[in-house]
């Protein structure tokens, strides 16, 4: 049984593949930008948490610093930032 595959080499097929590649590229680019914005914002909030704690004389352990640095959830980081304003020790921040 012979199958006609000429469609896959046609101008229409090539145009459809090009459109698909373009759409995939644009989608990937936008997702990358969004991820970059979130990571940048998260790093900024984490830095703010450290600044507040340092200003208040509260030190973090190495594990606590790693947890703070590794967290990308901006809502969680914002919650820690708010707690950092009133916490008297590091355990209150992450508790």
C-alpha atoms as a PDB file:
ATOM      1  CA  UNK A   1       0.000   0.000   0.000  1.00  0.00           C
ATOM      2  CA  UNK A   2       1.457   3.336  -1.063  1.00  0.00           C
ATOM      3  CA  UNK A   3       0.807   6.447   0.994  1.00  0.00           C
ATOM      4  CA  UNK A   4       0.951   9.873  -0.596  1.00  0.00           C
ATOM      5  CA  UNK A   5       3.280  11.966   1.586  1.00  0.00           C
ATOM      6  CA  UNK A   6       3.566  14.900  -0.785  1.00  0.00           C
ATOM      7  CA  UNK A   7       1.444  17.065   1.518  1.00  0.00           C
ATOM      8  CA  UNK A   8       4.198  17.045   4.145  1.00  0.00           C
ATOM      9  CA  UNK A   9       6.579  18.664   1.655  1.00  0.00           C
ATOM     10  CA  UNK A  10       4.066  21.121   0.250  1.00  0.00           C
ATOM     11  CA  UNK A  11       4.219  24.861   0.658  1.00  0.00           C
ATOM     12  CA  UNK A  12       1.151  24.757   2.946  1.00  0.00           C
ATOM     13  CA  UNK A  13       2.745  22.192   5.227  1.00  0.00           C
ATOM     14  CA  UNK A  14       5.968  24.169   5.400  1.00  0.00           C
ATOM     15  CA  UNK A  15       4.016  27.332   6.216  1.00  0.00           C
ATOM     16  CA  UNK A  16       2.086  25.545   8.993  1.00  0.00           C
ATOM     17  CA  UNK A  17       5.310  24.202  10.506  1.00  0.00           C
ATOM     18  CA  UNK A  18       6.857  27.671  10.416  1.00  0.00           C
ATOM     19  CA  UNK A  19       3.780  29.137  12.135  1.00  0.00           C
ATOM     20  CA  UNK A  20       3.945  26.435  14.795  1.00  0.00           C
ATOM     21  CA  UNK A  21       7.620  27.107  15.430  1.00  0.00           C
ATOM     22  CA  UNK A  22       6.957  30.848  15.677  1.00  0.00           C
ATOM     23  CA  UNK A  23       4.080  30.346  18.114  1.00  0.00           C
ATOM     24  CA  UNK A  24       6.161  27.951  20.205  1.00  0.00           C
ATOM     25  CA  UNK A  25       9.059  30.380  20.240  1.00  0.00           C
ATOM     26  CA  UNK A  26       6.837  33.293  21.310  1.00  0.00           C
ATOM     27  CA  UNK A  27       5.178  31.220  24.018  1.00  0.00           C
ATOM     28  CA  UNK A  28       8.528  30.012  25.357  1.00  0.00           C
ATOM     29  CA  UNK A  29       9.899  33.542  25.333  1.00  0.00           C
ATOM     30  CA  UNK A  30       6.933  34.880  27.302  1.00  0.00           C
ATOM     31  CA  UNK A  31       7.124  32.041  29.819  1.00  0.00           C
ATOM     32  CA  UNK A  32      10.829  32.739  30.264  1.00  0.00           C
ATOM     33  CA  UNK A  33      10.178  36.431  30.820  1.00  0.00           C
ATOM     34  CA  UNK A  34       7.474  35.676  33.398  1.00  0.00           C
ATOM     35  CA  UNK A  35       9.724  33.256  35.229  1.00  0.00           C
ATOM     36  CA  UNK A  36      12.532  35.816  35.222  1.00  0.00           C
ATOM     37  CA  UNK A  37      10.237  38.499  36.652  1.00  0.00           C
ATOM     38  CA  UNK A  38       9.088  36.156  39.426  1.00  0.00           C
ATOM     39  CA  UNK A  39      12.621  35.093  40.288  1.00  0.00           C
ATOM     40  CA  UNK A  40      13.856  38.670  40.266  1.00  0.00           C
ATOM     41  CA  UNK A  41      11.003  39.775  42.508  1.00  0.00           C
ATOM     42  CA  UNK A  42      11.581  36.822  44.842  1.00  0.00           C
ATOM     43  CA  UNK A  43      15.270  37.599  45.149  1.00  0.00           C
ATOM     44  CA  UNK A  44      14.432  41.215  45.929  1.00  0.00           C
ATOM     45  CA  UNK A  45      11.991  40.257  48.676  1.00  0.00           C
ATOM     46  CA  UNK A  46      14.450  37.733  50.140  1.00  0.00           C
ATOM     47  CA  UNK A  47      17.079  40.463  50.209  1.00  0.00           C
ATOM     48  CA  UNK A  48      14.625  42.766  51.977  1.00  0.00           C
ATOM     49  CA  UNK A  49      13.943  40.112  54.619  1.00  0.00           C
ATOM     50  CA  UNK A  50      17.671  39.853  55.290  1.00  0.00           C
ATOM     51  CA  UNK A  51      18.032  43.635  55.435  1.00  0.00           C
ATOM     52  CA  UNK A  52      15.217  43.978  57.980  1.00  0.00           C
ATOM     53  CA  UNK A  53      16.557  41.149  60.125  1.00  0.00           C
ATOM     54  CA  UNK A  54      20.105  42.515  59.999  1.00  0.00           C
ATOM     55  CA  UNK A  55      18.845  45.960  60.962  1.00  0.00           C
ATOM     56  CA  UNK A  56      17.022  44.456  63.907  1.00  0.00           C
ATOM     57  CA  UNK A  57      20.071  42.435  65.004  1.00  0.00           C
ATOM     58  CA  UNK A  58      18.510  39.040  64.232  1.00  0.00           C
ATOM     59  CA  UNK A  59      20.876  36.479  62.770  1.00  0.00           C
ATOM     60  CA  UNK A  60      19.878  33.500  60.650  1.00  0.00           C
ATOM     61  CA  UNK A  61      21.512  30.093  60.762  1.00  0.00           C
ATOM     62  CA  UNK A  62      23.075  28.728  57.577  1.00  0.00           C
ATOM     63  CA  UNK A  63      20.041  26.477  57.073  1.00  0.00           C
ATOM     64  CA  UNK A  64      17.649  29.395  57.526  1.00  0.00           C
ATOM     65  CA  UNK A  65      19.626  31.507  55.052  1.00  0.00           C
ATOM     66  CA  UNK A  66      19.527  28.645  52.539  1.00  0.00           C
ATOM     67  CA  UNK A  67      15.763  28.256  53.009  1.00  0.00           C
ATOM     68  CA  UNK A  68      15.286  31.962  52.420  1.00  0.00           C
ATOM     69  CA  UNK A  69      17.552  31.995  49.371  1.00  0.00           C
ATOM     70  CA  UNK A  70      15.954  28.884  47.837  1.00  0.00           C
ATOM     71  CA  UNK A  71      12.346  30.037  48.253  1.00  0.00           C
ATOM     72  CA  UNK A  72      10.751  31.297  45.040  1.00  0.00           C
ATOM     73  CA  UNK A  73       7.168  31.642  46.311  1.00  0.00           C
ATOM     74  CA  UNK A  74       6.716  35.412  46.417  1.00  0.00           C
ATOM     75  CA  UNK A  75       3.671  35.155  48.711  1.00  0.00           C
ATOM     76  CA  UNK A  76       5.705  33.176  51.249  1.00  0.00           C
ATOM     77  CA  UNK A  77       8.587  35.635  51.003  1.00  0.00           C
ATOM     78  CA  UNK A  78       6.214  38.557  51.562  1.00  0.00           C
ATOM     79  CA  UNK A  79       4.775  36.819  54.628  1.00  0.00           C
ATOM     80  CA  UNK A  80       8.295  36.405  56.006  1.00  0.00           C
ATOM     81  CA  UNK A  81       9.046  40.051  55.267  1.00  0.00           C
ATOM     82  CA  UNK A  82       6.027  41.133  57.306  1.00  0.00           C
ATOM     83  CA  UNK A  83       7.049  38.838  60.168  1.00  0.00           C
ATOM     84  CA  UNK A  84      10.626  40.140  60.022  1.00  0.00           C
ATOM     85  CA  UNK A  85       9.354  43.561  61.064  1.00  0.00           C
ATOM     86  CA  UNK A  86       8.080  42.298  64.423  1.00  0.00           C
ATOM     87  CA  UNK A  87      10.015  39.060  65.047  1.00  0.00           C
ATOM     88  CA  UNK A  88      12.380  38.986  68.006  1.00  0.00           C
ATOM     89  CA  UNK A  89      14.188  35.845  66.867  1.00  0.00           C
ATOM     90  CA  UNK A  90      14.641  33.925  63.606  1.00  0.00           C
ATOM     91  CA  UNK A  91      12.410  31.043  64.702  1.00  0.00           C
ATOM     92  CA  UNK A  92       9.410  33.393  64.749  1.00  0.00           C
ATOM     93  CA  UNK A  93      10.027  34.230  61.112  1.00  0.00           C
ATOM     94  CA  UNK A  94       9.824  30.680  59.786  1.00  0.00           C
ATOM     95  CA  UNK A  95       7.430  29.275  62.381  1.00  0.00           C
END
